Amino acid sequence: MGNSSRDMFKKNFKGQIKPLIFKNGQPFTRSTYLLYSNSVAKLPQVREFIKIIQNRNKGD
């Protein structure tokens, strides 16, 4: 999955993507929390999603 799915989304997306910036130039950011049970975390699609979110938080 990884970057290729994100690139595919951006290629097919017809809307606008704009970073949110405060008047003072500081970017608007917020924390993201994932809540899931251990049994759900064993599903391959959930593990992959968690990896994507973790990599994104590292500046990916």
PDB file of N, CA and C in Angstrom:
ATOM      1  N   MET A   1       0.847  -1.179   0.000  1.00  0.00           N
ATOM      2  CA  MET A   1       0.000   0.000   0.000  1.00  0.00           C
ATOM      3  C   MET A   1       0.890   1.239   0.000  1.00  0.00           C
ATOM      4  N   GLY A   2       1.151   1.865   1.113  1.00  0.00           N
ATOM      5  CA  GLY A   2       2.125   2.935   1.259  1.00  0.00           C
ATOM      6  C   GLY A   2       1.902   4.125   0.352  1.00  0.00           C
ATOM      7  N   ASN A   3       3.010   4.659  -0.178  1.00  0.00           N
ATOM      8  CA  ASN A   3       2.956   5.873  -0.982  1.00  0.00           C
ATOM      9  C   ASN A   3       2.179   5.705  -2.273  1.00  0.00           C
ATOM     10  N   SER A   4       2.191   4.517  -2.881  1.00  0.00           N
ATOM     11  CA  SER A   4       1.516   4.334  -4.158  1.00  0.00           C
ATOM     12  C   SER A   4       0.019   4.576  -4.040  1.00  0.00           C
ATOM     13  N   SER A   5      -0.616   4.152  -2.951  1.00  0.00           N
ATOM     14  CA  SER A   5      -2.049   4.393  -2.783  1.00  0.00           C
ATOM     15  C   SER A   5      -2.315   5.877  -2.580  1.00  0.00           C
ATOM     16  N   ARG A   6      -1.438   6.570  -1.853  1.00  0.00           N
ATOM     17  CA  ARG A   6      -1.599   8.013  -1.639  1.00  0.00           C
ATOM     18  C   ARG A   6      -1.431   8.750  -2.961  1.00  0.00           C
ATOM     19  N   ASP A   7      -0.438   8.363  -3.750  1.00  0.00           N
ATOM     20  CA  ASP A   7      -0.219   9.003  -5.044  1.00  0.00           C
ATOM     21  C   ASP A   7      -1.402   8.768  -5.969  1.00  0.00           C
ATOM     22  N   MET A   8      -1.961   7.551  -5.942  1.00  0.00           N
ATOM     23  CA  MET A   8      -3.119   7.243  -6.768  1.00  0.00           C
ATOM     24  C   MET A   8      -4.306   8.111  -6.360  1.00  0.00           C
ATOM     25  N   PHE A   9      -4.499   8.282  -5.054  1.00  0.00           N
ATOM     26  CA  PHE A   9      -5.592   9.121  -4.575  1.00  0.00           C
ATOM     27  C   PHE A   9      -5.412  10.548  -5.069  1.00  0.00           C
ATOM     28  N   LYS A  10      -4.208  11.091  -4.918  1.00  0.00           N
ATOM     29  CA  LYS A  10      -3.953  12.470  -5.340  1.00  0.00           C
ATOM     30  C   LYS A  10      -4.170  12.635  -6.840  1.00  0.00           C
ATOM     31  N   LYS A  11      -3.782  11.635  -7.621  1.00  0.00           N
ATOM     32  CA  LYS A  11      -3.922  11.703  -9.072  1.00  0.00           C
ATOM     33  C   LYS A  11      -5.393  11.750  -9.474  1.00  0.00           C
ATOM     34  N   ASN A  12      -6.241  10.984  -8.796  1.00  0.00           N
ATOM     35  CA  ASN A  12      -7.658  10.895  -9.140  1.00  0.00           C
ATOM     36  C   ASN A  12      -8.523  11.911  -8.403  1.00  0.00           C
ATOM     37  N   PHE A  13      -7.970  12.621  -7.443  1.00  0.00           N
ATOM     38  CA  PHE A  13      -8.727  13.583  -6.638  1.00  0.00           C
ATOM     39  C   PHE A  13      -8.954  14.850  -7.447  1.00  0.00           C
ATOM     40  N   LYS A  14     -10.215  15.290  -7.561  1.00  0.00           N
ATOM     41  CA  LYS A  14     -10.558  16.456  -8.375  1.00  0.00           C
ATOM     42  C   LYS A  14     -10.750  17.721  -7.537  1.00  0.00           C
ATOM     43  N   GLY A  15     -10.650  17.620  -6.228  1.00  0.00           N
ATOM     44  CA  GLY A  15     -10.851  18.769  -5.347  1.00  0.00           C
ATOM     45  C   GLY A  15      -9.562  19.539  -5.121  1.00  0.00           C
ATOM     46  N   GLN A  16      -9.525  20.274  -4.040  1.00  0.00           N
ATOM     47  CA  GLN A  16      -8.355  21.070  -3.686  1.00  0.00           C
ATOM     48  C   GLN A  16      -7.764  20.566  -2.382  1.00  0.00           C
ATOM     49  N   ILE A  17      -6.452  20.581  -2.299  1.00  0.00           N
ATOM     50  CA  ILE A  17      -5.752  20.249  -1.061  1.00  0.00           C
ATOM     51  C   ILE A  17      -4.926  21.470  -0.687  1.00  0.00           C
ATOM     52  N   LYS A  18      -5.270  22.075   0.430  1.00  0.00           N
ATOM     53  CA  LYS A  18      -4.555  23.270   0.878  1.00  0.00           C
ATOM     54  C   LYS A  18      -4.166  23.097   2.335  1.00  0.00           C
ATOM     55  N   PRO A  19      -2.912  23.377   2.667  1.00  0.00           N
ATOM     56  CA  PRO A  19      -2.526  23.328   4.079  1.00  0.00           C
ATOM     57  C   PRO A  19      -3.233  24.444   4.840  1.00  0.00           C
ATOM     58  N   LEU A  20      -3.601  24.166   6.077  1.00  0.00           N
ATOM     59  CA  LEU A  20      -4.241  25.173   6.919  1.00  0.00           C
ATOM     60  C   LEU A  20      -3.160  25.913   7.692  1.00  0.00           C
ATOM     61  N   ILE A  21      -3.172  27.227   7.581  1.00  0.00           N
ATOM     62  CA  ILE A  21      -2.144  28.067   8.196  1.00  0.00           C
ATOM     63  C   ILE A  21      -2.829  29.185   8.981  1.00  0.00           C
ATOM     64  N   PHE A  22      -2.356  29.418  10.201  1.00  0.00           N
ATOM     65  CA  PHE A  22      -2.849  30.548  10.984  1.00  0.00           C
ATOM     66  C   PHE A  22      -2.308  31.855  10.402  1.00  0.00           C
ATOM     67  N   LYS A  23      -2.909  32.975  10.789  1.00  0.00           N
ATOM     68  CA  LYS A  23      -2.471  34.287  10.293  1.00  0.00           C
ATOM     69  C   LYS A  23      -1.000  34.557  10.583  1.00  0.00           C
ATOM     70  N   ASN A  24      -0.491  34.003  11.685  1.00  0.00           N
ATOM     71  CA  ASN A  24       0.917  34.232  12.040  1.00  0.00           C
ATOM     72  C   ASN A  24       1.881  33.312  11.271  1.00  0.00           C
ATOM     73  N   GLY A  25       1.352  32.490  10.370  1.00  0.00           N
ATOM     74  CA  GLY A  25       2.181  31.608   9.554  1.00  0.00           C
ATOM     75  C   GLY A  25       2.381  30.213  10.119  1.00  0.00           C
ATOM     76  N   GLN A  26       1.940  29.996  11.349  1.00  0.00           N
ATOM     77  CA  GLN A  26       2.086  28.677  11.981  1.00  0.00           C
ATOM     78  C   GLN A  26       1.089  27.693  11.357  1.00  0.00           C
ATOM     79  N   PRO A  27       1.544  26.498  10.992  1.00  0.00           N
ATOM     80  CA  PRO A  27       0.620  25.517  10.420  1.00  0.00           C
ATOM     81  C   PRO A  27      -0.378  25.017  11.460  1.00  0.00           C
ATOM     82  N   PHE A  28      -1.601  24.774  11.013  1.00  0.00           N
ATOM     83  CA  PHE A  28      -2.633  24.205  11.869  1.00  0.00           C
ATOM     84  C   PHE A  28      -2.439  22.695  11.873  1.00  0.00           C
ATOM     85  N   THR A  29      -2.189  22.132  13.036  1.00  0.00           N
ATOM     86  CA  THR A  29      -2.046  20.678  13.172  1.00  0.00           C
ATOM     87  C   THR A  29      -2.880  20.203  14.345  1.00  0.00           C
ATOM     88  N   ARG A  30      -3.165  18.924  14.363  1.00  0.00           N
ATOM     89  CA  ARG A  30      -3.866  18.341  15.505  1.00  0.00           C
ATOM     90  C   ARG A  30      -3.413  16.900  15.676  1.00  0.00           C
ATOM     91  N   SER A  31      -3.552  16.418  16.882  1.00  0.00           N
ATOM     92  CA  SER A  31      -3.173  15.036  17.193  1.00  0.00           C
ATOM     93  C   SER A  31      -4.226  14.074  16.664  1.00  0.00           C
ATOM     94  N   THR A  32      -3.765  12.904  16.286  1.00  0.00           N
ATOM     95  CA  THR A  32      -4.661  11.845  15.830  1.00  0.00           C
ATOM     96  C   THR A  32      -4.498  10.653  16.760  1.00  0.00           C
ATOM     97  N   TYR A  33      -5.606  10.116  17.205  1.00  0.00           N
ATOM     98  CA  TYR A  33      -5.590   8.954  18.087  1.00  0.00           C
ATOM     99  C   TYR A  33      -6.348   7.819  17.421  1.00  0.00           C
ATOM    100  N   LEU A  34      -5.797   6.627  17.494  1.00  0.00           N
ATOM    101  CA  LEU A  34      -6.467   5.430  16.999  1.00  0.00           C
ATOM    102  C   LEU A  34      -6.813   4.552  18.189  1.00  0.00           C
ATOM    103  N   LEU A  35      -8.058   4.166  18.264  1.00  0.00           N
ATOM    104  CA  LEU A  35      -8.502   3.252  19.319  1.00  0.00           C
ATOM    105  C   LEU A  35      -8.968   1.967  18.649  1.00  0.00           C
ATOM    106  N   TYR A  36      -8.406   0.855  19.082  1.00  0.00           N
ATOM    107  CA  TYR A  36      -8.767  -0.430  18.495  1.00  0.00           C
ATOM    108  C   TYR A  36      -8.439  -1.531  19.490  1.00  0.00           C
ATOM    109  N   SER A  37      -9.128  -2.638  19.335  1.00  0.00           N
ATOM    110  CA  SER A  37      -8.877  -3.784  20.212  1.00  0.00           C
ATOM    111  C   SER A  37      -7.707  -4.597  19.657  1.00  0.00           C
ATOM    112  N   ASN A  38      -7.115  -5.410  20.486  1.00  0.00           N
ATOM    113  CA  ASN A  38      -5.998  -6.263  20.051  1.00  0.00           C
ATOM    114  C   ASN A  38      -6.419  -7.206  18.936  1.00  0.00           C
ATOM    115  N   SER A  39      -7.652  -7.717  19.011  1.00  0.00           N
ATOM    116  CA  SER A  39      -8.103  -8.654  17.978  1.00  0.00           C
ATOM    117  C   SER A  39      -8.235  -7.960  16.624  1.00  0.00           C
ATOM    118  N   VAL A  40      -8.703  -6.725  16.613  1.00  0.00           N
ATOM    119  CA  VAL A  40      -8.826  -5.979  15.362  1.00  0.00           C
ATOM    120  C   VAL A  40      -7.443  -5.638  14.813  1.00  0.00           C
ATOM    121  N   ALA A  41      -6.500  -5.344  15.686  1.00  0.00           N
ATOM    122  CA  ALA A  41      -5.143  -4.983  15.263  1.00  0.00           C
ATOM    123  C   ALA A  41      -4.433  -6.143  14.566  1.00  0.00           C
ATOM    124  N   LYS A  42      -4.932  -7.346  14.707  1.00  0.00           N
ATOM    125  CA  LYS A  42      -4.332  -8.506  14.045  1.00  0.00           C
ATOM    126  C   LYS A  42      -4.736  -8.606  12.574  1.00  0.00           C
ATOM    127  N   LEU A  43      -5.773  -7.874  12.173  1.00  0.00           N
ATOM    128  CA  LEU A  43      -6.216  -7.912  10.776  1.00  0.00           C
ATOM    129  C   LEU A  43      -5.179  -7.213   9.890  1.00  0.00           C
ATOM    130  N   PRO A  44      -4.804  -7.822   8.767  1.00  0.00           N
ATOM    131  CA  PRO A  44      -3.752  -7.241   7.926  1.00  0.00           C
ATOM    132  C   PRO A  44      -4.068  -5.824   7.452  1.00  0.00           C
ATOM    133  N   GLN A  45      -5.318  -5.549   7.106  1.00  0.00           N
ATOM    134  CA  GLN A  45      -5.665  -4.219   6.617  1.00  0.00           C
ATOM    135  C   GLN A  45      -5.570  -3.174   7.730  1.00  0.00           C
ATOM    136  N   VAL A  46      -5.844  -3.577   8.958  1.00  0.00           N
ATOM    137  CA  VAL A  46      -5.733  -2.655  10.096  1.00  0.00           C
ATOM    138  C   VAL A  46      -4.262  -2.418  10.416  1.00  0.00           C
ATOM    139  N   ARG A  47      -3.458  -3.470  10.402  1.00  0.00           N
ATOM    140  CA  ARG A  47      -2.014  -3.310  10.635  1.00  0.00           C
ATOM    141  C   ARG A  47      -1.405  -2.349   9.613  1.00  0.00           C
ATOM    142  N   GLU A  48      -1.802  -2.508   8.357  1.00  0.00           N
ATOM    143  CA  GLU A  48      -1.274  -1.636   7.298  1.00  0.00           C
ATOM    144  C   GLU A  48      -1.711  -0.187   7.521  1.00  0.00           C
ATOM    145  N   PHE A  49      -2.953   0.019   7.901  1.00  0.00           N
ATOM    146  CA  PHE A  49      -3.442   1.373   8.173  1.00  0.00           C
ATOM    147  C   PHE A  49      -2.670   2.003   9.329  1.00  0.00           C
ATOM    148  N   ILE A  50      -2.435   1.233  10.370  1.00  0.00           N
ATOM    149  CA  ILE A  50      -1.674   1.735  11.524  1.00  0.00           C
ATOM    150  C   ILE A  50      -0.267   2.138  11.085  1.00  0.00           C
ATOM    151  N   LYS A  51       0.371   1.323  10.242  1.00  0.00           N
ATOM    152  CA  LYS A  51       1.709   1.656   9.733  1.00  0.00           C
ATOM    153  C   LYS A  51       1.692   2.969   8.954  1.00  0.00           C
ATOM    154  N   ILE A  52       0.676   3.154   8.121  1.00  0.00           N
ATOM    155  CA  ILE A  52       0.562   4.383   7.328  1.00  0.00           C
ATOM    156  C   ILE A  52       0.469   5.593   8.240  1.00  0.00           C
ATOM    157  N   ILE A  53      -0.370   5.502   9.265  1.00  0.00           N
ATOM    158  CA  ILE A  53      -0.544   6.619  10.193  1.00  0.00           C
ATOM    159  C   ILE A  53       0.752   6.876  10.965  1.00  0.00           C
ATOM    160  N   GLN A  54       1.405   5.822  11.412  1.00  0.00           N
ATOM    161  CA  GLN A  54       2.662   5.997  12.146  1.00  0.00           C
ATOM    162  C   GLN A  54       3.727   6.649  11.267  1.00  0.00           C
ATOM    163  N   ASN A  55       3.835   6.230  10.013  1.00  0.00           N
ATOM    164  CA  ASN A  55       4.818   6.818   9.098  1.00  0.00           C
ATOM    165  C   ASN A  55       4.488   8.269   8.794  1.00  0.00           C
ATOM    166  N   ARG A  56       3.217   8.571   8.671  1.00  0.00           N
ATOM    167  CA  ARG A  56       2.795   9.949   8.403  1.00  0.00           C
ATOM    168  C   ARG A  56       3.187  10.857   9.565  1.00  0.00           C
ATOM    169  N   ASN A  57       3.066  10.344  10.778  1.00  0.00           N
ATOM    170  CA  ASN A  57       3.422  11.133  11.953  1.00  0.00           C
ATOM    171  C   ASN A  57       4.927  11.346  12.063  1.00  0.00           C
ATOM    172  N   LYS A  58       5.714  10.541  11.362  1.00  0.00           N
ATOM    173  CA  LYS A  58       7.174  10.703  11.358  1.00  0.00           C
ATOM    174  C   LYS A  58       7.603  11.718  10.301  1.00  0.00           C
ATOM    175  N   GLY A  59       6.625  12.285   9.601  1.00  0.00           N
ATOM    176  CA  GLY A  59       6.944  13.272   8.571  1.00  0.00           C
ATOM    177  C   GLY A  59       6.926  12.702   7.175  1.00  0.00           C
ATOM    178  N   ASP A  60       6.340  11.537   7.000  1.00  0.00           N
ATOM    179  CA  ASP A  60       6.262  10.891   5.690  1.00  0.00           C
ATOM    180  C   ASP A  60       5.372  11.689   4.757  1.00  0.00           C
TER     181      ASP A  60
END
